[in-house]
Full PDB file with SEQRES, HELIX, SHEET, SSBOND, CRYST1, ORIGX, SCALE, CONECT and MASTER records, all heavy atoms in Angstrom:
SEQRES   1 A   40  GLY SER ALA PRO MET GLY PRO ASP GLY ASP PRO LEU ALA          
SEQRES   2 A   40  VAL LEU ASP ALA GLN LEU LYS VAL ARG GLY VAL ASP GLY          
SEQRES   3 A   40  LEU ARG VAL ILE ASP CYS SER ALA MET PRO ALA ILE PRO          
SEQRES   4 A   40  SER                                                          
HELIX    1 AA1 CYS A   32  ALA A   34  5                                   3    
CRYST1    1.000    1.000    1.000  90.00  90.00  90.00 P 1           1          
ORIGX1      1.000000  0.000000  0.000000        0.00000                         
ORIGX2      0.000000  1.000000  0.000000        0.00000                         
ORIGX3      0.000000  0.000000  1.000000        0.00000                         
SCALE1      1.000000  0.000000  0.000000        0.00000                         
SCALE2      0.000000  1.000000  0.000000        0.00000                         
SCALE3      0.000000  0.000000  1.000000        0.00000                         
ATOM      1  N   GLY A   1      10.422  -6.823   6.186  1.00  0.00           N  
ATOM      2  CA  GLY A   1       9.095  -7.146   6.738  1.00  0.00           C  
ATOM      3  C   GLY A   1       8.086  -5.980   6.519  1.00  0.00           C  
ATOM      4  O   GLY A   1       6.976  -5.818   7.143  1.00  0.00           O  
ATOM      5  N   SER A   2       8.306  -5.150   5.413  1.00  0.00           N  
ATOM      6  CA  SER A   2       7.256  -4.106   5.329  1.00  0.00           C  
ATOM      7  C   SER A   2       6.021  -4.509   4.398  1.00  0.00           C  
ATOM      8  O   SER A   2       5.005  -3.823   4.270  1.00  0.00           O  
ATOM      9  CB  SER A   2       7.962  -2.865   4.481  1.00  0.00           C  
ATOM     10  OG  SER A   2       8.355  -3.305   3.334  1.00  0.00           O  
ATOM     11  N   ALA A   3       6.057  -5.775   4.012  1.00  0.00           N  
ATOM     12  CA  ALA A   3       4.994  -6.320   3.320  1.00  0.00           C  
ATOM     13  C   ALA A   3       4.893  -7.858   3.458  1.00  0.00           C  
ATOM     14  O   ALA A   3       5.235  -8.633   2.478  1.00  0.00           O  
ATOM     15  CB  ALA A   3       4.935  -6.032   1.739  1.00  0.00           C  
ATOM     16  N   PRO A   4       4.831  -8.338   4.658  1.00  0.00           N  
ATOM     17  CA  PRO A   4       5.194  -9.715   5.176  1.00  0.00           C  
ATOM     18  C   PRO A   4       4.200 -10.847   4.697  1.00  0.00           C  
ATOM     19  O   PRO A   4       2.880 -10.485   4.499  1.00  0.00           O  
ATOM     20  CB  PRO A   4       5.196  -9.597   6.594  1.00  0.00           C  
ATOM     21  CG  PRO A   4       4.301  -8.596   6.969  1.00  0.00           C  
ATOM     22  CD  PRO A   4       4.384  -7.497   5.873  1.00  0.00           C  
ATOM     23  N   MET A   5       4.737 -11.945   4.465  1.00  0.00           N  
ATOM     24  CA  MET A   5       3.831 -13.128   4.334  1.00  0.00           C  
ATOM     25  C   MET A   5       3.218 -13.341   5.730  1.00  0.00           C  
ATOM     26  O   MET A   5       3.725 -12.985   6.767  1.00  0.00           O  
ATOM     27  CB  MET A   5       4.798 -14.395   4.034  1.00  0.00           C  
ATOM     28  CG  MET A   5       5.296 -14.423   2.655  1.00  0.00           C  
ATOM     29  SD  MET A   5       6.176 -16.057   2.364  1.00  0.00           S  
ATOM     30  CE  MET A   5       7.627 -15.826   3.352  1.00  0.00           C  
ATOM     31  N   GLY A   6       2.141 -14.084   5.705  1.00  0.00           N  
ATOM     32  CA  GLY A   6       1.474 -14.445   6.886  1.00  0.00           C  
ATOM     33  C   GLY A   6       0.258 -15.353   6.647  1.00  0.00           C  
ATOM     34  O   GLY A   6      -0.185 -15.527   5.491  1.00  0.00           O  
ATOM     35  N   PRO A   7      -0.345 -15.975   7.785  1.00  0.00           N  
ATOM     36  CA  PRO A   7      -1.531 -16.873   7.631  1.00  0.00           C  
ATOM     37  C   PRO A   7      -2.790 -15.984   7.182  1.00  0.00           C  
ATOM     38  O   PRO A   7      -2.792 -14.875   7.418  1.00  0.00           O  
ATOM     39  CB  PRO A   7      -1.554 -17.500   8.978  1.00  0.00           C  
ATOM     40  CG  PRO A   7      -1.059 -16.580   9.850  1.00  0.00           C  
ATOM     41  CD  PRO A   7       0.174 -15.787   9.107  1.00  0.00           C  
ATOM     42  N   ASP A   8      -3.811 -16.818   6.702  1.00  0.00           N  
ATOM     43  CA  ASP A   8      -4.984 -16.192   6.332  1.00  0.00           C  
ATOM     44  C   ASP A   8      -5.716 -15.382   7.340  1.00  0.00           C  
ATOM     45  O   ASP A   8      -6.278 -14.183   7.084  1.00  0.00           O  
ATOM     46  CB  ASP A   8      -6.024 -17.245   5.775  1.00  0.00           C  
ATOM     47  CG  ASP A   8      -5.475 -17.775   4.406  1.00  0.00           C  
ATOM     48  OD1 ASP A   8      -4.719 -17.161   3.704  1.00  0.00           O  
ATOM     49  OD2 ASP A   8      -5.868 -18.876   4.052  1.00  0.00           O  
ATOM     50  N   GLY A   9      -5.626 -15.746   8.605  1.00  0.00           N  
ATOM     51  CA  GLY A   9      -6.291 -15.161   9.711  1.00  0.00           C  
ATOM     52  C   GLY A   9      -5.563 -13.784  10.276  1.00  0.00           C  
ATOM     53  O   GLY A   9      -6.016 -13.091  11.126  1.00  0.00           O  
ATOM     54  N   ASP A  10      -4.499 -13.562   9.725  1.00  0.00           N  
ATOM     55  CA  ASP A  10      -3.616 -12.395  10.266  1.00  0.00           C  
ATOM     56  C   ASP A  10      -4.027 -11.178   9.457  1.00  0.00           C  
ATOM     57  O   ASP A  10      -3.650 -11.058   8.444  1.00  0.00           O  
ATOM     58  CB  ASP A  10      -2.144 -12.750  10.165  1.00  0.00           C  
ATOM     59  CG  ASP A  10      -1.245 -11.655  10.654  1.00  0.00           C  
ATOM     60  OD1 ASP A  10      -1.777 -10.492  11.130  1.00  0.00           O  
ATOM     61  OD2 ASP A  10      -0.023 -11.883  10.808  1.00  0.00           O  
ATOM     62  N   PRO A  11      -4.570 -10.168  10.110  1.00  0.00           N  
ATOM     63  CA  PRO A  11      -4.864  -8.953   9.362  1.00  0.00           C  
ATOM     64  C   PRO A  11      -3.840  -8.127   8.899  1.00  0.00           C  
ATOM     65  O   PRO A  11      -4.068  -7.256   8.054  1.00  0.00           O  
ATOM     66  CB  PRO A  11      -5.780  -8.178  10.529  1.00  0.00           C  
ATOM     67  CG  PRO A  11      -5.208  -8.557  11.787  1.00  0.00           C  
ATOM     68  CD  PRO A  11      -5.050 -10.088  11.524  1.00  0.00           C  
ATOM     69  N   LEU A  12      -2.595  -8.366   9.425  1.00  0.00           N  
ATOM     70  CA  LEU A  12      -1.412  -7.541   8.979  1.00  0.00           C  
ATOM     71  C   LEU A  12      -0.548  -8.427   7.990  1.00  0.00           C  
ATOM     72  O   LEU A  12       0.519  -7.796   7.675  1.00  0.00           O  
ATOM     73  CB  LEU A  12      -0.578  -7.154  10.104  1.00  0.00           C  
ATOM     74  CG  LEU A  12      -1.217  -6.114  11.238  1.00  0.00           C  
ATOM     75  CD1 LEU A  12      -0.253  -5.764  12.314  1.00  0.00           C  
ATOM     76  CD2 LEU A  12      -1.712  -4.831  10.503  1.00  0.00           C  
ATOM     77  N   ALA A  13      -1.085  -9.518   7.604  1.00  0.00           N  
ATOM     78  CA  ALA A  13      -0.385 -10.285   6.636  1.00  0.00           C  
ATOM     79  C   ALA A  13      -0.680  -9.693   5.107  1.00  0.00           C  
ATOM     80  O   ALA A  13      -1.694  -9.902   4.690  1.00  0.00           O  
ATOM     81  CB  ALA A  13      -0.756 -11.807   6.733  1.00  0.00           C  
ATOM     82  N   VAL A  14       0.302  -9.220   4.484  1.00  0.00           N  
ATOM     83  CA  VAL A  14       0.133  -8.658   3.191  1.00  0.00           C  
ATOM     84  C   VAL A  14       0.191  -9.679   2.198  1.00  0.00           C  
ATOM     85  O   VAL A  14      -0.525  -9.595   1.083  1.00  0.00           O  
ATOM     86  CB  VAL A  14       1.317  -7.607   2.934  1.00  0.00           C  
ATOM     87  CG1 VAL A  14       1.050  -6.969   1.476  1.00  0.00           C  
ATOM     88  CG2 VAL A  14       1.216  -6.462   3.889  1.00  0.00           C  
ATOM     89  N   LEU A  15       1.059 -10.756   2.199  1.00  0.00           N  
ATOM     90  CA  LEU A  15       1.209 -11.748   1.234  1.00  0.00           C  
ATOM     91  C   LEU A  15       0.689 -13.154   1.779  1.00  0.00           C  
ATOM     92  O   LEU A  15       0.843 -13.358   3.121  1.00  0.00           O  
ATOM     93  CB  LEU A  15       2.727 -11.990   0.988  1.00  0.00           C  
ATOM     94  CG  LEU A  15       3.450 -10.538   0.548  1.00  0.00           C  
ATOM     95  CD1 LEU A  15       4.875 -10.880   0.284  1.00  0.00           C  
ATOM     96  CD2 LEU A  15       2.777  -9.946  -0.604  1.00  0.00           C  
ATOM     97  N   ASP A  16       0.490 -14.027   0.975  1.00  0.00           N  
ATOM     98  CA  ASP A  16       0.107 -15.354   1.293  1.00  0.00           C  
ATOM     99  C   ASP A  16       1.358 -16.214   1.078  1.00  0.00           C  
ATOM    100  O   ASP A  16       2.578 -15.583   0.810  1.00  0.00           O  
ATOM    101  CB  ASP A  16      -1.020 -16.030   0.434  1.00  0.00           C  
ATOM    102  CG  ASP A  16      -0.706 -16.098  -1.111  1.00  0.00           C  
ATOM    103  OD1 ASP A  16       0.502 -16.013  -1.440  1.00  0.00           O  
ATOM    104  OD2 ASP A  16      -1.622 -16.432  -1.762  1.00  0.00           O  
ATOM    105  N   ALA A  17       1.319 -17.582   1.318  1.00  0.00           N  
ATOM    106  CA  ALA A  17       2.704 -18.306   1.408  1.00  0.00           C  
ATOM    107  C   ALA A  17       3.321 -18.275  -0.041  1.00  0.00           C  
ATOM    108  O   ALA A  17       4.338 -18.783  -0.162  1.00  0.00           O  
ATOM    109  CB  ALA A  17       2.381 -19.779   1.834  1.00  0.00           C  
ATOM    110  N   GLN A  18       2.591 -18.039  -1.160  1.00  0.00           N  
ATOM    111  CA  GLN A  18       3.096 -17.993  -2.461  1.00  0.00           C  
ATOM    112  C   GLN A  18       3.602 -16.604  -2.837  1.00  0.00           C  
ATOM    113  O   GLN A  18       3.872 -16.310  -4.033  1.00  0.00           O  
ATOM    114  CB  GLN A  18       2.064 -18.397  -3.458  1.00  0.00           C  
ATOM    115  CG  GLN A  18       1.670 -19.952  -3.370  1.00  0.00           C  
ATOM    116  CD  GLN A  18       0.968 -20.340  -2.193  1.00  0.00           C  
ATOM    117  OE1 GLN A  18      -0.025 -19.710  -1.862  1.00  0.00           O  
ATOM    118  NE2 GLN A  18       1.419 -21.384  -1.432  1.00  0.00           N  
ATOM    119  N   LEU A  19       3.731 -15.719  -1.776  1.00  0.00           N  
ATOM    120  CA  LEU A  19       4.096 -14.295  -1.974  1.00  0.00           C  
ATOM    121  C   LEU A  19       3.224 -13.429  -2.929  1.00  0.00           C  
ATOM    122  O   LEU A  19       3.587 -12.394  -3.325  1.00  0.00           O  
ATOM    123  CB  LEU A  19       5.569 -14.412  -2.723  1.00  0.00           C  
ATOM    124  CG  LEU A  19       6.631 -15.098  -1.997  1.00  0.00           C  
ATOM    125  CD1 LEU A  19       7.910 -15.118  -2.963  1.00  0.00           C  
ATOM    126  CD2 LEU A  19       6.971 -14.410  -0.678  1.00  0.00           C  
ATOM    127  N   LYS A  20       2.032 -13.852  -2.967  1.00  0.00           N  
ATOM    128  CA  LYS A  20       0.983 -13.176  -3.636  1.00  0.00           C  
ATOM    129  C   LYS A  20       0.322 -11.945  -2.777  1.00  0.00           C  
ATOM    130  O   LYS A  20       0.110 -12.396  -1.592  1.00  0.00           O  
ATOM    131  CB  LYS A  20      -0.155 -13.989  -4.249  1.00  0.00           C  
ATOM    132  CG  LYS A  20       0.382 -15.090  -5.279  1.00  0.00           C  
ATOM    133  CD  LYS A  20      -0.686 -15.998  -5.751  1.00  0.00           C  
ATOM    134  CE  LYS A  20      -0.214 -17.023  -6.740  1.00  0.00           C  
ATOM    135  NZ  LYS A  20      -1.326 -17.843  -7.263  1.00  0.00           N  
ATOM    136  N   VAL A  21       0.144 -10.804  -3.268  1.00  0.00           N  
ATOM    137  CA  VAL A  21      -0.470  -9.812  -2.636  1.00  0.00           C  
ATOM    138  C   VAL A  21      -1.945 -10.083  -2.445  1.00  0.00           C  
ATOM    139  O   VAL A  21      -2.654 -10.317  -3.537  1.00  0.00           O  
ATOM    140  CB  VAL A  21      -0.195  -8.423  -3.269  1.00  0.00           C  
ATOM    141  CG1 VAL A  21      -0.975  -7.337  -2.551  1.00  0.00           C  
ATOM    142  CG2 VAL A  21       1.287  -8.070  -3.383  1.00  0.00           C  
ATOM    143  N   ARG A  22      -2.417 -10.164  -1.264  1.00  0.00           N  
ATOM    144  CA  ARG A  22      -3.837 -10.340  -1.032  1.00  0.00           C  
ATOM    145  C   ARG A  22      -4.626  -9.145  -1.617  1.00  0.00           C  
ATOM    146  O   ARG A  22      -4.476  -8.126  -1.448  1.00  0.00           O  
ATOM    147  CB  ARG A  22      -4.169 -10.477   0.513  1.00  0.00           C  
ATOM    148  CG  ARG A  22      -3.558 -11.617   1.062  1.00  0.00           C  
ATOM    149  CD  ARG A  22      -3.887 -11.881   2.481  1.00  0.00           C  
ATOM    150  NE  ARG A  22      -3.872 -13.157   2.991  1.00  0.00           N  
ATOM    151  CZ  ARG A  22      -2.750 -13.891   3.449  1.00  0.00           C  
ATOM    152  NH1 ARG A  22      -1.635 -13.248   3.589  1.00  0.00           N  
ATOM    153  NH2 ARG A  22      -2.839 -15.103   3.870  1.00  0.00           N  
ATOM    154  N   GLY A  23      -5.766  -9.656  -2.279  1.00  0.00           N  
ATOM    155  CA  GLY A  23      -6.730  -8.612  -2.866  1.00  0.00           C  
ATOM    156  C   GLY A  23      -6.387  -8.055  -4.350  1.00  0.00           C  
ATOM    157  O   GLY A  23      -7.186  -7.400  -4.798  1.00  0.00           O  
ATOM    158  N   VAL A  24      -5.209  -8.523  -4.724  1.00  0.00           N  
ATOM    159  CA  VAL A  24      -4.790  -8.029  -6.151  1.00  0.00           C  
ATOM    160  C   VAL A  24      -4.273  -9.302  -6.794  1.00  0.00           C  
ATOM    161  O   VAL A  24      -3.259  -9.862  -6.394  1.00  0.00           O  
ATOM    162  CB  VAL A  24      -3.755  -6.923  -5.978  1.00  0.00           C  
ATOM    163  CG1 VAL A  24      -3.387  -6.404  -7.564  1.00  0.00           C  
ATOM    164  CG2 VAL A  24      -4.280  -5.774  -5.226  1.00  0.00           C  
ATOM    165  N   ASP A  25      -4.808  -9.607  -8.050  1.00  0.00           N  
ATOM    166  CA  ASP A  25      -4.372 -10.666  -8.795  1.00  0.00           C  
ATOM    167  C   ASP A  25      -2.975 -10.338  -9.548  1.00  0.00           C  
ATOM    168  O   ASP A  25      -2.817  -9.095  -9.908  1.00  0.00           O  
ATOM    169  CB  ASP A  25      -5.415 -11.165  -9.820  1.00  0.00           C  
ATOM    170  CG  ASP A  25      -6.627 -11.830  -8.955  1.00  0.00           C  
ATOM    171  OD1 ASP A  25      -6.464 -12.315  -7.984  1.00  0.00           O  
ATOM    172  OD2 ASP A  25      -7.589 -11.761  -9.674  1.00  0.00           O  
ATOM    173  N   GLY A  26      -2.191 -11.316  -9.895  1.00  0.00           N  
ATOM    174  CA  GLY A  26      -1.124 -11.020 -10.770  1.00  0.00           C  
ATOM    175  C   GLY A  26       0.070 -10.201 -10.165  1.00  0.00           C  
ATOM    176  O   GLY A  26       0.828  -9.414 -10.900  1.00  0.00           O  
ATOM    177  N   LEU A  27       0.085 -10.137  -8.880  1.00  0.00           N  
ATOM    178  CA  LEU A  27       1.095  -9.307  -8.097  1.00  0.00           C  
ATOM    179  C   LEU A  27       1.717 -10.089  -6.941  1.00  0.00           C  
ATOM    180  O   LEU A  27       1.072 -10.591  -6.054  1.00  0.00           O  
ATOM    181  CB  LEU A  27       0.444  -7.977  -7.607  1.00  0.00           C  
ATOM    182  CG  LEU A  27       1.389  -7.105  -6.961  1.00  0.00           C  
ATOM    183  CD1 LEU A  27       2.389  -6.395  -7.901  1.00  0.00           C  
ATOM    184  CD2 LEU A  27       0.548  -5.884  -6.365  1.00  0.00           C  
ATOM    185  N   ARG A  28       3.123 -10.037  -7.032  1.00  0.00           N  
ATOM    186  CA  ARG A  28       3.782 -10.731  -5.860  1.00  0.00           C  
ATOM    187  C   ARG A  28       4.914  -9.749  -5.474  1.00  0.00           C  
ATOM    188  O   ARG A  28       5.387  -8.872  -6.180  1.00  0.00           O  
ATOM    189  CB  ARG A  28       4.534 -12.008  -6.255  1.00  0.00           C  
ATOM    190  CG  ARG A  28       3.648 -13.001  -6.766  1.00  0.00           C  
ATOM    191  CD  ARG A  28       4.290 -14.350  -6.983  1.00  0.00           C  
ATOM    192  NE  ARG A  28       3.520 -15.259  -8.082  1.00  0.00           N  
ATOM    193  CZ  ARG A  28       3.336 -16.448  -7.848  1.00  0.00           C  
ATOM    194  NH1 ARG A  28       3.592 -17.059  -6.926  1.00  0.00           N  
ATOM    195  NH2 ARG A  28       2.639 -17.120  -8.835  1.00  0.00           N  
ATOM    196  N   VAL A  29       5.336  -9.820  -4.116  1.00  0.00           N  
ATOM    197  CA  VAL A  29       6.445  -9.178  -3.688  1.00  0.00           C  
ATOM    198  C   VAL A  29       7.522 -10.284  -3.414  1.00  0.00           C  
ATOM    199  O   VAL A  29       7.418 -11.345  -2.791  1.00  0.00           O  
ATOM    200  CB  VAL A  29       6.230  -8.452  -2.193  1.00  0.00           C  
ATOM    201  CG1 VAL A  29       7.320  -7.945  -1.739  1.00  0.00           C  
ATOM    202  CG2 VAL A  29       5.180  -7.321  -2.612  1.00  0.00           C  
ATOM    203  N   ILE A  30       8.814 -10.027  -3.855  1.00  0.00           N  
ATOM    204  CA  ILE A  30       9.828 -11.081  -3.906  1.00  0.00           C  
ATOM    205  C   ILE A  30      11.156 -10.687  -3.109  1.00  0.00           C  
ATOM    206  O   ILE A  30      12.173 -11.228  -3.349  1.00  0.00           O  
ATOM    207  CB  ILE A  30      10.148 -11.574  -5.199  1.00  0.00           C  
ATOM    208  CG1 ILE A  30      10.726 -10.513  -6.053  1.00  0.00           C  
ATOM    209  CG2 ILE A  30       8.830 -12.143  -5.825  1.00  0.00           C  
ATOM    210  CD1 ILE A  30      11.256 -10.977  -7.487  1.00  0.00           C  
ATOM    211  N   ASP A  31      10.986  -9.526  -2.360  1.00  0.00           N  
ATOM    212  CA  ASP A  31      12.295  -9.061  -1.677  1.00  0.00           C  
ATOM    213  C   ASP A  31      12.182  -9.108  -0.183  1.00  0.00           C  
ATOM    214  O   ASP A  31      11.289  -9.881   0.404  1.00  0.00           O  
ATOM    215  CB  ASP A  31      12.660  -7.730  -2.188  1.00  0.00           C  
ATOM    216  CG  ASP A  31      11.620  -6.583  -1.734  1.00  0.00           C  
ATOM    217  OD1 ASP A  31      10.609  -7.062  -0.958  1.00  0.00           O  
ATOM    218  OD2 ASP A  31      11.745  -5.397  -2.186  1.00  0.00           O  
ATOM    219  N   CYS A  32      13.113  -8.568   0.544  1.00  0.00           N  
ATOM    220  CA  CYS A  32      13.164  -8.594   1.925  1.00  0.00           C  
ATOM    221  C   CYS A  32      11.800  -8.078   2.561  1.00  0.00           C  
ATOM    222  O   CYS A  32      11.583  -8.513   3.747  1.00  0.00           O  
ATOM    223  CB  CYS A  32      14.284  -7.860   2.572  1.00  0.00           C  
ATOM    224  SG  CYS A  32      15.846  -8.531   2.464  1.00  0.00           S  
ATOM    225  N   SER A  33      11.060  -7.393   1.912  1.00  0.00           N  
ATOM    226  CA  SER A  33       9.782  -6.932   2.397  1.00  0.00           C  
ATOM    227  C   SER A  33       8.888  -8.009   2.708  1.00  0.00           C  
ATOM    228  O   SER A  33       8.091  -7.967   3.733  1.00  0.00           O  
ATOM    229  CB  SER A  33       9.107  -5.956   1.388  1.00  0.00           C  
ATOM    230  OG  SER A  33       9.912  -4.949   0.907  1.00  0.00           O  
ATOM    231  N   ALA A  34       9.090  -9.143   2.085  1.00  0.00           N  
ATOM    232  CA  ALA A  34       8.153 -10.352   2.211  1.00  0.00           C  
ATOM    233  C   ALA A  34       8.458 -11.159   3.442  1.00  0.00           C  
ATOM    234  O   ALA A  34       7.685 -12.031   3.920  1.00  0.00           O  
ATOM    235  CB  ALA A  34       8.198 -11.204   1.009  1.00  0.00           C  
ATOM    236  N   MET A  35       9.613 -10.844   4.128  1.00  0.00           N  
ATOM    237  CA  MET A  35       9.996 -11.723   5.162  1.00  0.00           C  
ATOM    238  C   MET A  35       9.202 -11.499   6.486  1.00  0.00           C  
ATOM    239  O   MET A  35       9.006 -10.327   6.866  1.00  0.00           O  
ATOM    240  CB  MET A  35      11.460 -11.509   5.598  1.00  0.00           C  
ATOM    241  CG  MET A  35      12.459 -11.888   4.488  1.00  0.00           C  
ATOM    242  SD  MET A  35      14.181 -11.523   4.849  1.00  0.00           S  
ATOM    243  CE  MET A  35      15.012 -12.181   3.449  1.00  0.00           C  
ATOM    244  N   PRO A  36       8.520 -12.449   7.017  1.00  0.00           N  
ATOM    245  CA  PRO A  36       7.656 -12.310   8.235  1.00  0.00           C  
ATOM    246  C   PRO A  36       8.446 -12.078   9.560  1.00  0.00           C  
ATOM    247  O   PRO A  36       7.922 -11.589  10.452  1.00  0.00           O  
ATOM    248  CB  PRO A  36       6.851 -13.614   8.286  1.00  0.00           C  
ATOM    249  CG  PRO A  36       7.746 -14.683   7.494  1.00  0.00           C  
ATOM    250  CD  PRO A  36       8.495 -13.979   6.536  1.00  0.00           C  
ATOM    251  N   ALA A  37       9.731 -12.483   9.612  1.00  0.00           N  
ATOM    252  CA  ALA A  37      10.593 -12.236  10.671  1.00  0.00           C  
ATOM    253  C   ALA A  37      11.952 -12.139  10.208  1.00  0.00           C  
ATOM    254  O   ALA A  37      12.421 -12.790   9.198  1.00  0.00           O  
ATOM    255  CB  ALA A  37      10.458 -13.303  11.689  1.00  0.00           C  
ATOM    256  N   ILE A  38      12.723 -11.304  10.765  1.00  0.00           N  
ATOM    257  CA  ILE A  38      14.121 -10.968  10.388  1.00  0.00           C  
ATOM    258  C   ILE A  38      15.071 -12.198  10.637  1.00  0.00           C  
ATOM    259  O   ILE A  38      15.027 -12.929  11.667  1.00  0.00           O  
ATOM    260  CB  ILE A  38      14.681  -9.703  11.010  1.00  0.00           C  
ATOM    261  CG1 ILE A  38      15.882  -9.131  10.194  1.00  0.00           C  
ATOM    262  CG2 ILE A  38      14.992  -9.971  12.472  1.00  0.00           C  
ATOM    263  CD1 ILE A  38      16.156  -7.871  10.655  1.00  0.00           C  
ATOM    264  N   PRO A  39      15.875 -12.520   9.598  1.00  0.00           N  
ATOM    265  CA  PRO A  39      16.701 -13.626   9.808  1.00  0.00           C  
ATOM    266  C   PRO A  39      17.864 -13.277  10.749  1.00  0.00           C  
ATOM    267  O   PRO A  39      18.181 -12.027  10.923  1.00  0.00           O  
ATOM    268  CB  PRO A  39      17.297 -13.911   8.331  1.00  0.00           C  
ATOM    269  CG  PRO A  39      16.451 -13.233   7.447  1.00  0.00           C  
ATOM    270  CD  PRO A  39      15.817 -12.040   8.102  1.00  0.00           C  
ATOM    271  N   SER A  40      18.456 -14.224  11.284  1.00  0.00           N  
ATOM    272  CA  SER A  40      19.467 -13.980  12.452  1.00  0.00           C  
ATOM    273  C   SER A  40      20.838 -13.818  11.725  1.00  0.00           C  
ATOM    274  O   SER A  40      21.781 -14.724  11.941  1.00  0.00           O  
ATOM    275  CB  SER A  40      19.424 -15.099  13.405  1.00  0.00           C  
ATOM    276  OG  SER A  40      18.230 -15.214  14.054  1.00  0.00           O  
TER     277      SER A  40                                                      
MASTER        0    0    0    1    0    0    0    6  276    1    0    4          
END                                                                             
């Protein structure tokens, strides 16, 4: 969760639903950092 996905209105959402980093083209995060909540 250090670079999580989130909805457009969330100021702490680093990634969109396609794992793309907001504000930078051509960049995605594809590891556990992207998880918006920890799996059980």
